[in-house]
Amino acid sequence: MYFFKFLINSLFLTLIIVFVSIIIFYFLPQLYFFNFSTIVLYVLISSLFSHYFVMKAFETPKAFLRRYMLSFTIKLLASLAFILIIFFIDKPNALKAGLSFIFIYLIFLIFETINFLKYKNTNK
């Protein structure tokens, strides 16, 4: 049940990011680049997988910590590989892609952390 709630909230957050981005790209079309939607989709999917993997071990603190660190490491390395691929595919927009990725990644990281803390506080 908790993961379903996280999924819905993640999709809602993604819609907000996309909506704000559409407005920004409408008024500042020079900021638009083709791979923006790919970045948003990647961060959403990696966040969902990471959260699901970590939450399976939430009840045991040692297992939770190990899974969290493993998940964070895998997500970070996969994200590095992903953004490098984006850089090589779309060199002219590498700076835009990098900044967008960092911004969206941080938004989702904060969102995940808040959700972990809420879940921890409600399940003491």
PDB file of N, CA and C in Angstrom:
ATOM      1  N   MET A   1       0.817  -1.198   0.000  1.00  0.00           N
ATOM      2  CA  MET A   1       0.000   0.000   0.000  1.00  0.00           C
ATOM      3  C   MET A   1       0.865   1.268   0.000  1.00  0.00           C
ATOM      4  N   TYR A   2       1.940   1.238   0.799  1.00  0.00           N
ATOM      5  CA  TYR A   2       2.787   2.421   0.886  1.00  0.00           C
ATOM      6  C   TYR A   2       3.462   2.727  -0.450  1.00  0.00           C
ATOM      7  N   PHE A   3       3.928   1.694  -1.145  1.00  0.00           N
ATOM      8  CA  PHE A   3       4.595   1.936  -2.426  1.00  0.00           C
ATOM      9  C   PHE A   3       3.622   2.540  -3.430  1.00  0.00           C
ATOM     10  N   PHE A   4       2.368   2.101  -3.411  1.00  0.00           N
ATOM     11  CA  PHE A   4       1.367   2.663  -4.321  1.00  0.00           C
ATOM     12  C   PHE A   4       1.195   4.159  -4.059  1.00  0.00           C
ATOM     13  N   LYS A   5       1.171   4.540  -2.791  1.00  0.00           N
ATOM     14  CA  LYS A   5       1.059   5.956  -2.439  1.00  0.00           C
ATOM     15  C   LYS A   5       2.293   6.725  -2.928  1.00  0.00           C
ATOM     16  N   PHE A   6       3.465   6.119  -2.754  1.00  0.00           N
ATOM     17  CA  PHE A   6       4.698   6.742  -3.241  1.00  0.00           C
ATOM     18  C   PHE A   6       4.666   6.882  -4.760  1.00  0.00           C
ATOM     19  N   LEU A   7       4.165   5.865  -5.437  1.00  0.00           N
ATOM     20  CA  LEU A   7       4.053   5.897  -6.898  1.00  0.00           C
ATOM     21  C   LEU A   7       3.159   7.048  -7.346  1.00  0.00           C
ATOM     22  N   ILE A   8       2.003   7.175  -6.727  1.00  0.00           N
ATOM     23  CA  ILE A   8       1.070   8.252  -7.077  1.00  0.00           C
ATOM     24  C   ILE A   8       1.712   9.617  -6.818  1.00  0.00           C
ATOM     25  N   ASN A   9       2.350   9.768  -5.658  1.00  0.00           N
ATOM     26  CA  ASN A   9       3.005  11.039  -5.337  1.00  0.00           C
ATOM     27  C   ASN A   9       4.155  11.340  -6.299  1.00  0.00           C
ATOM     28  N   SER A  10       4.889  10.315  -6.699  1.00  0.00           N
ATOM     29  CA  SER A  10       5.987  10.499  -7.658  1.00  0.00           C
ATOM     30  C   SER A  10       5.458  10.938  -9.016  1.00  0.00           C
ATOM     31  N   LEU A  11       4.378  10.328  -9.445  1.00  0.00           N
ATOM     32  CA  LEU A  11       3.774  10.720 -10.721  1.00  0.00           C
ATOM     33  C   LEU A  11       3.253  12.156 -10.656  1.00  0.00           C
ATOM     34  N   PHE A  12       2.680  12.514  -9.520  1.00  0.00           N
ATOM     35  CA  PHE A  12       2.202  13.882  -9.336  1.00  0.00           C
ATOM     36  C   PHE A  12       3.375  14.870  -9.371  1.00  0.00           C
ATOM     37  N   LEU A  13       4.464  14.534  -8.695  1.00  0.00           N
ATOM     38  CA  LEU A  13       5.662  15.378  -8.725  1.00  0.00           C
ATOM     39  C   LEU A  13       6.201  15.505 -10.146  1.00  0.00           C
ATOM     40  N   THR A  14       6.203  14.402 -10.876  1.00  0.00           N
ATOM     41  CA  THR A  14       6.671  14.419 -12.262  1.00  0.00           C
ATOM     42  C   THR A  14       5.795  15.329 -13.118  1.00  0.00           C
ATOM     43  N   LEU A  15       4.491  15.255 -12.922  1.00  0.00           N
ATOM     44  CA  LEU A  15       3.582  16.137 -13.666  1.00  0.00           C
ATOM     45  C   LEU A  15       3.844  17.607 -13.351  1.00  0.00           C
ATOM     46  N   ILE A  16       4.123  17.899 -12.098  1.00  0.00           N
ATOM     47  CA  ILE A  16       4.440  19.280 -11.723  1.00  0.00           C
ATOM     48  C   ILE A  16       5.720  19.736 -12.425  1.00  0.00           C
ATOM     49  N   ILE A  17       6.742  18.876 -12.411  1.00  0.00           N
ATOM     50  CA  ILE A  17       8.011  19.213 -13.074  1.00  0.00           C
ATOM     51  C   ILE A  17       7.790  19.435 -14.567  1.00  0.00           C
ATOM     52  N   VAL A  18       7.026  18.561 -15.191  1.00  0.00           N
ATOM     53  CA  VAL A  18       6.757  18.688 -16.630  1.00  0.00           C
ATOM     54  C   VAL A  18       5.958  19.962 -16.914  1.00  0.00           C
ATOM     55  N   PHE A  19       4.955  20.242 -16.101  1.00  0.00           N
ATOM     56  CA  PHE A  19       4.138  21.434 -16.294  1.00  0.00           C
ATOM     57  C   PHE A  19       4.978  22.707 -16.164  1.00  0.00           C
ATOM     58  N   VAL A  20       5.790  22.782 -15.122  1.00  0.00           N
ATOM     59  CA  VAL A  20       6.657  23.947 -14.934  1.00  0.00           C
ATOM     60  C   VAL A  20       7.647  24.061 -16.095  1.00  0.00           C
ATOM     61  N   SER A  21       8.164  22.930 -16.551  1.00  0.00           N
ATOM     62  CA  SER A  21       9.114  22.928 -17.672  1.00  0.00           C
ATOM     63  C   SER A  21       8.462  23.414 -18.957  1.00  0.00           C
ATOM     64  N   ILE A  22       7.230  22.999 -19.194  1.00  0.00           N
ATOM     65  CA  ILE A  22       6.510  23.458 -20.387  1.00  0.00           C
ATOM     66  C   ILE A  22       6.362  24.977 -20.363  1.00  0.00           C
ATOM     67  N   ILE A  23       6.029  25.506 -19.204  1.00  0.00           N
ATOM     68  CA  ILE A  23       5.894  26.961 -19.075  1.00  0.00           C
ATOM     69  C   ILE A  23       7.238  27.646 -19.324  1.00  0.00           C
ATOM     70  N   ILE A  24       8.295  27.115 -18.718  1.00  0.00           N
ATOM     71  CA  ILE A  24       9.630  27.702 -18.916  1.00  0.00           C
ATOM     72  C   ILE A  24      10.043  27.622 -20.381  1.00  0.00           C
ATOM     73  N   PHE A  25       9.845  26.465 -21.007  1.00  0.00           N
ATOM     74  CA  PHE A  25      10.242  26.299 -22.410  1.00  0.00           C
ATOM     75  C   PHE A  25       9.380  27.151 -23.342  1.00  0.00           C
ATOM     76  N   TYR A  26       8.153  27.438 -22.943  1.00  0.00           N
ATOM     77  CA  TYR A  26       7.293  28.292 -23.766  1.00  0.00           C
ATOM     78  C   TYR A  26       7.824  29.728 -23.780  1.00  0.00           C
ATOM     79  N   PHE A  27       8.189  30.226 -22.599  1.00  0.00           N
ATOM     80  CA  PHE A  27       8.661  31.603 -22.509  1.00  0.00           C
ATOM     81  C   PHE A  27      10.146  31.754 -22.839  1.00  0.00           C
ATOM     82  N   LEU A  28      10.904  30.687 -22.673  1.00  0.00           N
ATOM     83  CA  LEU A  28      12.339  30.710 -22.990  1.00  0.00           C
ATOM     84  C   LEU A  28      12.674  29.513 -23.882  1.00  0.00           C
ATOM     85  N   PRO A  29      12.264  29.560 -25.143  1.00  0.00           N
ATOM     86  CA  PRO A  29      12.446  28.395 -26.021  1.00  0.00           C
ATOM     87  C   PRO A  29      13.908  28.018 -26.258  1.00  0.00           C
ATOM     88  N   GLN A  30      14.829  28.937 -26.044  1.00  0.00           N
ATOM     89  CA  GLN A  30      16.242  28.610 -26.230  1.00  0.00           C
ATOM     90  C   GLN A  30      16.746  27.624 -25.170  1.00  0.00           C
ATOM     91  N   LEU A  31      16.010  27.456 -24.086  1.00  0.00           N
ATOM     92  CA  LEU A  31      16.406  26.502 -23.043  1.00  0.00           C
ATOM     93  C   LEU A  31      15.967  25.077 -23.353  1.00  0.00           C
ATOM     94  N   TYR A  32      15.059  24.922 -24.309  1.00  0.00           N
ATOM     95  CA  TYR A  32      14.553  23.581 -24.615  1.00  0.00           C
ATOM     96  C   TYR A  32      15.629  22.734 -25.286  1.00  0.00           C
ATOM     97  N   PHE A  33      15.652  21.464 -24.934  1.00  0.00           N
ATOM     98  CA  PHE A  33      16.492  20.492 -25.621  1.00  0.00           C
ATOM     99  C   PHE A  33      15.737  19.171 -25.685  1.00  0.00           C
ATOM    100  N   PHE A  34      16.051  18.393 -26.680  1.00  0.00           N
ATOM    101  CA  PHE A  34      15.287  17.200 -27.024  1.00  0.00           C
ATOM    102  C   PHE A  34      15.234  16.156 -25.908  1.00  0.00           C
ATOM    103  N   ASN A  35      16.308  15.957 -25.185  1.00  0.00           N
ATOM    104  CA  ASN A  35      16.393  14.869 -24.210  1.00  0.00           C
ATOM    105  C   ASN A  35      15.831  15.199 -22.836  1.00  0.00           C
ATOM    106  N   PHE A  36      15.161  16.322 -22.689  1.00  0.00           N
ATOM    107  CA  PHE A  36      14.619  16.684 -21.378  1.00  0.00           C
ATOM    108  C   PHE A  36      13.639  15.636 -20.867  1.00  0.00           C
ATOM    109  N   SER A  37      12.732  15.206 -21.720  1.00  0.00           N
ATOM    110  CA  SER A  37      11.737  14.211 -21.285  1.00  0.00           C
ATOM    111  C   SER A  37      12.401  12.886 -20.927  1.00  0.00           C
ATOM    112  N   THR A  38      13.488  12.546 -21.612  1.00  0.00           N
ATOM    113  CA  THR A  38      14.228  11.324 -21.297  1.00  0.00           C
ATOM    114  C   THR A  38      14.825  11.416 -19.898  1.00  0.00           C
ATOM    115  N   ILE A  39      15.334  12.569 -19.551  1.00  0.00           N
ATOM    116  CA  ILE A  39      15.918  12.769 -18.223  1.00  0.00           C
ATOM    117  C   ILE A  39      14.851  12.640 -17.146  1.00  0.00           C
ATOM    118  N   VAL A  40      13.715  13.279 -17.343  1.00  0.00           N
ATOM    119  CA  VAL A  40      12.629  13.202 -16.359  1.00  0.00           C
ATOM    120  C   VAL A  40      12.172  11.757 -16.188  1.00  0.00           C
ATOM    121  N   LEU A  41      11.993  11.060 -17.281  1.00  0.00           N
ATOM    122  CA  LEU A  41      11.553   9.664 -17.224  1.00  0.00           C
ATOM    123  C   LEU A  41      12.586   8.786 -16.525  1.00  0.00           C
ATOM    124  N   TYR A  42      13.856   8.978 -16.834  1.00  0.00           N
ATOM    125  CA  TYR A  42      14.908   8.182 -16.185  1.00  0.00           C
ATOM    126  C   TYR A  42      14.911   8.399 -14.669  1.00  0.00           C
ATOM    127  N   VAL A  43      14.864   9.650 -14.241  1.00  0.00           N
ATOM    128  CA  VAL A  43      14.910   9.946 -12.809  1.00  0.00           C
ATOM    129  C   VAL A  43      13.680   9.369 -12.111  1.00  0.00           C
ATOM    130  N   LEU A  44      12.526   9.457 -12.730  1.00  0.00           N
ATOM    131  CA  LEU A  44      11.315   8.876 -12.150  1.00  0.00           C
ATOM    132  C   LEU A  44      11.458   7.368 -11.990  1.00  0.00           C
ATOM    133  N   ILE A  45      11.849   6.681 -13.038  1.00  0.00           N
ATOM    134  CA  ILE A  45      11.951   5.218 -12.997  1.00  0.00           C
ATOM    135  C   ILE A  45      13.026   4.771 -12.009  1.00  0.00           C
ATOM    136  N   SER A  46      14.173   5.428 -12.022  1.00  0.00           N
ATOM    137  CA  SER A  46      15.230   5.028 -11.080  1.00  0.00           C
ATOM    138  C   SER A  46      14.809   5.287  -9.639  1.00  0.00           C
ATOM    139  N   SER A  47      14.071   6.342  -9.421  1.00  0.00           N
ATOM    140  CA  SER A  47      13.573   6.642  -8.083  1.00  0.00           C
ATOM    141  C   SER A  47      12.577   5.582  -7.616  1.00  0.00           C
ATOM    142  N   LEU A  48      11.692   5.165  -8.507  1.00  0.00           N
ATOM    143  CA  LEU A  48      10.704   4.142  -8.145  1.00  0.00           C
ATOM    144  C   LEU A  48      11.372   2.803  -7.835  1.00  0.00           C
ATOM    145  N   PHE A  49      12.311   2.384  -8.684  1.00  0.00           N
ATOM    146  CA  PHE A  49      13.021   1.125  -8.426  1.00  0.00           C
ATOM    147  C   PHE A  49      13.805   1.189  -7.123  1.00  0.00           C
ATOM    148  N   SER A  50      14.498   2.272  -6.922  1.00  0.00           N
ATOM    149  CA  SER A  50      15.296   2.447  -5.714  1.00  0.00           C
ATOM    150  C   SER A  50      14.415   2.399  -4.468  1.00  0.00           C
ATOM    151  N   HIS A  51      13.325   3.113  -4.507  1.00  0.00           N
ATOM    152  CA  HIS A  51      12.424   3.167  -3.358  1.00  0.00           C
ATOM    153  C   HIS A  51      11.820   1.795  -3.070  1.00  0.00           C
ATOM    154  N   TYR A  52      11.406   1.103  -4.094  1.00  0.00           N
ATOM    155  CA  TYR A  52      10.824  -0.230  -3.913  1.00  0.00           C
ATOM    156  C   TYR A  52      11.847  -1.185  -3.302  1.00  0.00           C
ATOM    157  N   PHE A  53      13.067  -1.156  -3.815  1.00  0.00           N
ATOM    158  CA  PHE A  53      14.136  -2.031  -3.329  1.00  0.00           C
ATOM    159  C   PHE A  53      14.445  -1.759  -1.858  1.00  0.00           C
ATOM    160  N   VAL A  54      14.525  -0.504  -1.484  1.00  0.00           N
ATOM    161  CA  VAL A  54      14.867  -0.137  -0.109  1.00  0.00           C
ATOM    162  C   VAL A  54      13.718  -0.446   0.850  1.00  0.00           C
ATOM    163  N   MET A  55      12.500  -0.177   0.439  1.00  0.00           N
ATOM    164  CA  MET A  55      11.361  -0.363   1.342  1.00  0.00           C
ATOM    165  C   MET A  55      11.087  -1.828   1.667  1.00  0.00           C
ATOM    166  N   LYS A  56      11.586  -2.736   0.854  1.00  0.00           N
ATOM    167  CA  LYS A  56      11.396  -4.155   1.149  1.00  0.00           C
ATOM    168  C   LYS A  56      12.118  -4.563   2.430  1.00  0.00           C
ATOM    169  N   ALA A  57      13.100  -3.793   2.857  1.00  0.00           N
ATOM    170  CA  ALA A  57      13.873  -4.133   4.051  1.00  0.00           C
ATOM    171  C   ALA A  57      13.719  -3.090   5.149  1.00  0.00           C
ATOM    172  N   PHE A  58      12.628  -2.361   5.149  1.00  0.00           N
ATOM    173  CA  PHE A  58      12.478  -1.254   6.090  1.00  0.00           C
ATOM    174  C   PHE A  58      12.389  -1.716   7.538  1.00  0.00           C
ATOM    175  N   GLU A  59      11.839  -2.885   7.780  1.00  0.00           N
ATOM    176  CA  GLU A  59      11.604  -3.349   9.151  1.00  0.00           C
ATOM    177  C   GLU A  59      12.889  -3.687   9.902  1.00  0.00           C
ATOM    178  N   THR A  60      13.925  -4.144   9.218  1.00  0.00           N
ATOM    179  CA  THR A  60      15.192  -4.461   9.883  1.00  0.00           C
ATOM    180  C   THR A  60      16.204  -3.353   9.610  1.00  0.00           C
ATOM    181  N   PRO A  61      16.628  -2.656  10.662  1.00  0.00           N
ATOM    182  CA  PRO A  61      17.505  -1.494  10.465  1.00  0.00           C
ATOM    183  C   PRO A  61      18.806  -1.805   9.720  1.00  0.00           C
ATOM    184  N   LYS A  62      19.456  -2.934  10.027  1.00  0.00           N
ATOM    185  CA  LYS A  62      20.717  -3.257   9.343  1.00  0.00           C
ATOM    186  C   LYS A  62      20.482  -3.494   7.856  1.00  0.00           C
ATOM    187  N   ALA A  63      19.464  -4.282   7.557  1.00  0.00           N
ATOM    188  CA  ALA A  63      19.156  -4.574   6.153  1.00  0.00           C
ATOM    189  C   ALA A  63      18.728  -3.306   5.424  1.00  0.00           C
ATOM    190  N   PHE A  64      17.974  -2.465   6.118  1.00  0.00           N
ATOM    191  CA  PHE A  64      17.531  -1.217   5.507  1.00  0.00           C
ATOM    192  C   PHE A  64      18.732  -0.342   5.139  1.00  0.00           C
ATOM    193  N   LEU A  65      19.655  -0.193   6.075  1.00  0.00           N
ATOM    194  CA  LEU A  65      20.823   0.641   5.825  1.00  0.00           C
ATOM    195  C   LEU A  65      21.662   0.091   4.674  1.00  0.00           C
ATOM    196  N   ARG A  66      21.870  -1.220   4.655  1.00  0.00           N
ATOM    197  CA  ARG A  66      22.634  -1.828   3.558  1.00  0.00           C
ATOM    198  C   ARG A  66      21.939  -1.621   2.223  1.00  0.00           C
ATOM    199  N   ARG A  67      20.635  -1.872   2.202  1.00  0.00           N
ATOM    200  CA  ARG A  67      19.889  -1.703   0.948  1.00  0.00           C
ATOM    201  C   ARG A  67      19.871  -0.248   0.505  1.00  0.00           C
ATOM    202  N   TYR A  68      19.745   0.654   1.461  1.00  0.00           N
ATOM    203  CA  TYR A  68      19.733   2.073   1.118  1.00  0.00           C
ATOM    204  C   TYR A  68      21.065   2.491   0.497  1.00  0.00           C
ATOM    205  N   MET A  69      22.156   2.083   1.125  1.00  0.00           N
ATOM    206  CA  MET A  69      23.477   2.443   0.604  1.00  0.00           C
ATOM    207  C   MET A  69      23.735   1.780  -0.750  1.00  0.00           C
ATOM    208  N   LEU A  70      23.346   0.514  -0.883  1.00  0.00           N
ATOM    209  CA  LEU A  70      23.507  -0.183  -2.163  1.00  0.00           C
ATOM    210  C   LEU A  70      22.667   0.490  -3.246  1.00  0.00           C
ATOM    211  N   SER A  71      21.439   0.791  -2.906  1.00  0.00           N
ATOM    212  CA  SER A  71      20.538   1.439  -3.855  1.00  0.00           C
ATOM    213  C   SER A  71      21.076   2.810  -4.266  1.00  0.00           C
ATOM    214  N   PHE A  72      21.545   3.570  -3.298  1.00  0.00           N
ATOM    215  CA  PHE A  72      22.078   4.898  -3.576  1.00  0.00           C
ATOM    216  C   PHE A  72      23.307   4.811  -4.482  1.00  0.00           C
ATOM    217  N   THR A  73      24.194   3.863  -4.201  1.00  0.00           N
ATOM    218  CA  THR A  73      25.405   3.689  -5.011  1.00  0.00           C
ATOM    219  C   THR A  73      25.066   3.282  -6.438  1.00  0.00           C
ATOM    220  N   ILE A  74      24.183   2.300  -6.578  1.00  0.00           N
ATOM    221  CA  ILE A  74      23.784   1.844  -7.917  1.00  0.00           C
ATOM    222  C   ILE A  74      23.102   2.974  -8.685  1.00  0.00           C
ATOM    223  N   LYS A  75      22.225   3.681  -7.995  1.00  0.00           N
ATOM    224  CA  LYS A  75      21.508   4.780  -8.642  1.00  0.00           C
ATOM    225  C   LYS A  75      22.479   5.880  -9.084  1.00  0.00           C
ATOM    226  N   LEU A  76      23.454   6.179  -8.240  1.00  0.00           N
ATOM    227  CA  LEU A  76      24.434   7.206  -8.571  1.00  0.00           C
ATOM    228  C   LEU A  76      25.298   6.796  -9.761  1.00  0.00           C
ATOM    229  N   LEU A  77      25.778   5.557  -9.770  1.00  0.00           N
ATOM    230  CA  LEU A  77      26.604   5.081 -10.883  1.00  0.00           C
ATOM    231  C   LEU A  77      25.798   4.978 -12.179  1.00  0.00           C
ATOM    232  N   ALA A  78      24.567   4.480 -12.073  1.00  0.00           N
ATOM    233  CA  ALA A  78      23.711   4.393 -13.257  1.00  0.00           C
ATOM    234  C   ALA A  78      23.385   5.790 -13.787  1.00  0.00           C
ATOM    235  N   SER A  79      23.182   6.726 -12.884  1.00  0.00           N
ATOM    236  CA  SER A  79      22.902   8.103 -13.294  1.00  0.00           C
ATOM    237  C   SER A  79      24.107   8.728 -13.981  1.00  0.00           C
ATOM    238  N   LEU A  80      25.281   8.446 -13.467  1.00  0.00           N
ATOM    239  CA  LEU A  80      26.498   8.943 -14.105  1.00  0.00           C
ATOM    240  C   LEU A  80      26.629   8.387 -15.520  1.00  0.00           C
ATOM    241  N   ALA A  81      26.400   7.083 -15.668  1.00  0.00           N
ATOM    242  CA  ALA A  81      26.457   6.464 -16.999  1.00  0.00           C
ATOM    243  C   ALA A  81      25.397   7.071 -17.915  1.00  0.00           C
ATOM    244  N   PHE A  82      24.192   7.262 -17.388  1.00  0.00           N
ATOM    245  CA  PHE A  82      23.093   7.827 -18.171  1.00  0.00           C
ATOM    246  C   PHE A  82      23.432   9.229 -18.667  1.00  0.00           C
ATOM    247  N   ILE A  83      23.907  10.075 -17.766  1.00  0.00           N
ATOM    248  CA  ILE A  83      24.179  11.453 -18.162  1.00  0.00           C
ATOM    249  C   ILE A  83      25.370  11.532 -19.115  1.00  0.00           C
ATOM    250  N   LEU A  84      26.340  10.632 -18.972  1.00  0.00           N
ATOM    251  CA  LEU A  84      27.452  10.601 -19.933  1.00  0.00           C
ATOM    252  C   LEU A  84      26.964  10.211 -21.325  1.00  0.00           C
ATOM    253  N   ILE A  85      26.044   9.264 -21.382  1.00  0.00           N
ATOM    254  CA  ILE A  85      25.459   8.876 -22.674  1.00  0.00           C
ATOM    255  C   ILE A  85      24.720  10.062 -23.292  1.00  0.00           C
ATOM    256  N   ILE A  86      23.942  10.765 -22.470  1.00  0.00           N
ATOM    257  CA  ILE A  86      23.226  11.951 -22.959  1.00  0.00           C
ATOM    258  C   ILE A  86      24.229  12.994 -23.468  1.00  0.00           C
ATOM    259  N   PHE A  87      25.326  13.186 -22.741  1.00  0.00           N
ATOM    260  CA  PHE A  87      26.348  14.148 -23.171  1.00  0.00           C
ATOM    261  C   PHE A  87      26.911  13.785 -24.535  1.00  0.00           C
ATOM    262  N   PHE A  88      27.197  12.506 -24.747  1.00  0.00           N
ATOM    263  CA  PHE A  88      27.783  12.090 -26.026  1.00  0.00           C
ATOM    264  C   PHE A  88      26.774  12.126 -27.166  1.00  0.00           C
ATOM    265  N   ILE A  89      25.523  11.871 -26.867  1.00  0.00           N
ATOM    266  CA  ILE A  89      24.489  11.897 -27.903  1.00  0.00           C
ATOM    267  C   ILE A  89      24.176  13.329 -28.325  1.00  0.00           C
ATOM    268  N   ASP A  90      24.101  14.222 -27.356  1.00  0.00           N
ATOM    269  CA  ASP A  90      23.655  15.591 -27.619  1.00  0.00           C
ATOM    270  C   ASP A  90      24.688  16.594 -27.093  1.00  0.00           C
ATOM    271  N   LYS A  91      25.850  16.634 -27.707  1.00  0.00           N
ATOM    272  CA  LYS A  91      26.949  17.488 -27.235  1.00  0.00           C
ATOM    273  C   LYS A  91      26.602  18.976 -27.176  1.00  0.00           C
ATOM    274  N   PRO A  92      25.871  19.517 -28.156  1.00  0.00           N
ATOM    275  CA  PRO A  92      25.570  20.957 -28.083  1.00  0.00           C
ATOM    276  C   PRO A  92      24.735  21.348 -26.860  1.00  0.00           C
ATOM    277  N   ASN A  93      23.939  20.422 -26.359  1.00  0.00           N
ATOM    278  CA  ASN A  93      23.077  20.724 -25.217  1.00  0.00           C
ATOM    279  C   ASN A  93      23.552  20.059 -23.929  1.00  0.00           C
ATOM    280  N   ALA A  94      24.817  19.724 -23.854  1.00  0.00           N
ATOM    281  CA  ALA A  94      25.346  19.001 -22.692  1.00  0.00           C
ATOM    282  C   ALA A  94      25.171  19.798 -21.398  1.00  0.00           C
ATOM    283  N   LEU A  95      25.427  21.087 -21.431  1.00  0.00           N
ATOM    284  CA  LEU A  95      25.289  21.903 -20.224  1.00  0.00           C
ATOM    285  C   LEU A  95      23.835  21.962 -19.762  1.00  0.00           C
ATOM    286  N   LYS A  96      22.926  22.186 -20.698  1.00  0.00           N
ATOM    287  CA  LYS A  96      21.497  22.209 -20.358  1.00  0.00           C
ATOM    288  C   LYS A  96      21.063  20.873 -19.769  1.00  0.00           C
ATOM    289  N   ALA A  97      21.504  19.784 -20.393  1.00  0.00           N
ATOM    290  CA  ALA A  97      21.135  18.446 -19.924  1.00  0.00           C
ATOM    291  C   ALA A  97      21.708  18.187 -18.537  1.00  0.00           C
ATOM    292  N   GLY A  98      22.956  18.560 -18.336  1.00  0.00           N
ATOM    293  CA  GLY A  98      23.594  18.335 -17.038  1.00  0.00           C
ATOM    294  C   GLY A  98      22.920  19.106 -15.922  1.00  0.00           C
ATOM    295  N   LEU A  99      22.653  20.375 -16.161  1.00  0.00           N
ATOM    296  CA  LEU A  99      21.991  21.190 -15.141  1.00  0.00           C
ATOM    297  C   LEU A  99      20.565  20.712 -14.874  1.00  0.00           C
ATOM    298  N   SER A 100      19.854  20.360 -15.929  1.00  0.00           N
ATOM    299  CA  SER A 100      18.492  19.839 -15.763  1.00  0.00           C
ATOM    300  C   SER A 100      18.505  18.539 -14.973  1.00  0.00           C
ATOM    301  N   PHE A 101      19.449  17.667 -15.306  1.00  0.00           N
ATOM    302  CA  PHE A 101      19.540  16.389 -14.613  1.00  0.00           C
ATOM    303  C   PHE A 101      19.810  16.590 -13.125  1.00  0.00           C
ATOM    304  N   ILE A 102      20.778  17.435 -12.809  1.00  0.00           N
ATOM    305  CA  ILE A 102      21.111  17.679 -11.399  1.00  0.00           C
ATOM    306  C   ILE A 102      19.912  18.245 -10.652  1.00  0.00           C
ATOM    307  N   PHE A 103      19.239  19.205 -11.255  1.00  0.00           N
ATOM    308  CA  PHE A 103      18.084  19.831 -10.613  1.00  0.00           C
ATOM    309  C   PHE A 103      16.967  18.817 -10.368  1.00  0.00           C
ATOM    310  N   ILE A 104      16.615  18.038 -11.377  1.00  0.00           N
ATOM    311  CA  ILE A 104      15.540  17.050 -11.247  1.00  0.00           C
ATOM    312  C   ILE A 104      15.945  15.937 -10.282  1.00  0.00           C
ATOM    313  N   TYR A 105      17.194  15.496 -10.361  1.00  0.00           N
ATOM    314  CA  TYR A 105      17.697  14.458  -9.460  1.00  0.00           C
ATOM    315  C   TYR A 105      17.596  14.914  -8.005  1.00  0.00           C
ATOM    316  N   LEU A 106      17.985  16.156  -7.734  1.00  0.00           N
ATOM    317  CA  LEU A 106      17.910  16.678  -6.367  1.00  0.00           C
ATOM    318  C   LEU A 106      16.472  16.801  -5.882  1.00  0.00           C
ATOM    319  N   ILE A 107      15.573  17.208  -6.754  1.00  0.00           N
ATOM    320  CA  ILE A 107      14.159  17.284  -6.374  1.00  0.00           C
ATOM    321  C   ILE A 107      13.655  15.907  -5.960  1.00  0.00           C
ATOM    322  N   PHE A 108      13.957  14.893  -6.758  1.00  0.00           N
ATOM    323  CA  PHE A 108      13.507  13.545  -6.434  1.00  0.00           C
ATOM    324  C   PHE A 108      14.219  12.989  -5.204  1.00  0.00           C
ATOM    325  N   LEU A 109      15.475  13.333  -4.999  1.00  0.00           N
ATOM    326  CA  LEU A 109      16.207  12.879  -3.819  1.00  0.00           C
ATOM    327  C   LEU A 109      15.582  13.453  -2.549  1.00  0.00           C
ATOM    328  N   ILE A 110      15.259  14.727  -2.570  1.00  0.00           N
ATOM    329  CA  ILE A 110      14.587  15.356  -1.431  1.00  0.00           C
ATOM    330  C   ILE A 110      13.224  14.717  -1.211  1.00  0.00           C
ATOM    331  N   PHE A 111      12.493  14.495  -2.284  1.00  0.00           N
ATOM    332  CA  PHE A 111      11.176  13.869  -2.205  1.00  0.00           C
ATOM    333  C   PHE A 111      11.262  12.468  -1.589  1.00  0.00           C
ATOM    334  N   GLU A 112      12.227  11.665  -2.039  1.00  0.00           N
ATOM    335  CA  GLU A 112      12.406  10.315  -1.490  1.00  0.00           C
ATOM    336  C   GLU A 112      12.760  10.363  -0.010  1.00  0.00           C
ATOM    337  N   THR A 113      13.657  11.254   0.353  1.00  0.00           N
ATOM    338  CA  THR A 113      14.080  11.366   1.750  1.00  0.00           C
ATOM    339  C   THR A 113      12.909  11.754   2.641  1.00  0.00           C
ATOM    340  N   ILE A 114      12.120  12.701   2.206  1.00  0.00           N
ATOM    341  CA  ILE A 114      10.935  13.103   2.978  1.00  0.00           C
ATOM    342  C   ILE A 114       9.986  11.924   3.136  1.00  0.00           C
ATOM    343  N   ASN A 115       9.798  11.147   2.080  1.00  0.00           N
ATOM    344  CA  ASN A 115       8.909   9.992   2.167  1.00  0.00           C
ATOM    345  C   ASN A 115       9.448   8.918   3.098  1.00  0.00           C
ATOM    346  N   PHE A 116      10.757   8.674   3.075  1.00  0.00           N
ATOM    347  CA  PHE A 116      11.355   7.719   4.014  1.00  0.00           C
ATOM    348  C   PHE A 116      11.127   8.166   5.449  1.00  0.00           C
ATOM    349  N   LEU A 117      11.352   9.442   5.708  1.00  0.00           N
ATOM    350  CA  LEU A 117      11.183   9.956   7.066  1.00  0.00           C
ATOM    351  C   LEU A 117       9.731   9.884   7.521  1.00  0.00           C
ATOM    352  N   LYS A 118       8.806  10.212   6.636  1.00  0.00           N
ATOM    353  CA  LYS A 118       7.382  10.102   6.979  1.00  0.00           C
ATOM    354  C   LYS A 118       7.011   8.661   7.294  1.00  0.00           C
ATOM    355  N   TYR A 119       7.490   7.745   6.479  1.00  0.00           N
ATOM    356  CA  TYR A 119       7.187   6.332   6.690  1.00  0.00           C
ATOM    357  C   TYR A 119       7.785   5.847   8.002  1.00  0.00           C
ATOM    358  N   LYS A 120       8.999   6.279   8.287  1.00  0.00           N
ATOM    359  CA  LYS A 120       9.663   5.878   9.531  1.00  0.00           C
ATOM    360  C   LYS A 120       8.900   6.408  10.740  1.00  0.00           C
ATOM    361  N   ASN A 121       8.477   7.656  10.683  1.00  0.00           N
ATOM    362  CA  ASN A 121       7.773   8.261  11.814  1.00  0.00           C
ATOM    363  C   ASN A 121       6.387   7.670  12.036  1.00  0.00           C
ATOM    364  N   THR A 122       5.733   7.223  10.987  1.00  0.00           N
ATOM    365  CA  THR A 122       4.396   6.640  11.154  1.00  0.00           C
ATOM    366  C   THR A 122       4.450   5.164  11.525  1.00  0.00           C
ATOM    367  N   ASN A 123       5.594   4.507  11.345  1.00  0.00           N
ATOM    368  CA  ASN A 123       5.710   3.073  11.637  1.00  0.00           C
ATOM    369  C   ASN A 123       6.713   2.793  12.743  1.00  0.00           C
ATOM    370  N   LYS A 124       6.671   3.563  13.789  1.00  0.00           N
ATOM    371  CA  LYS A 124       7.577   3.323  14.924  1.00  0.00           C
ATOM    372  C   LYS A 124       7.039   2.235  15.803  1.00  0.00           C
TER     373      LYS A 124
END
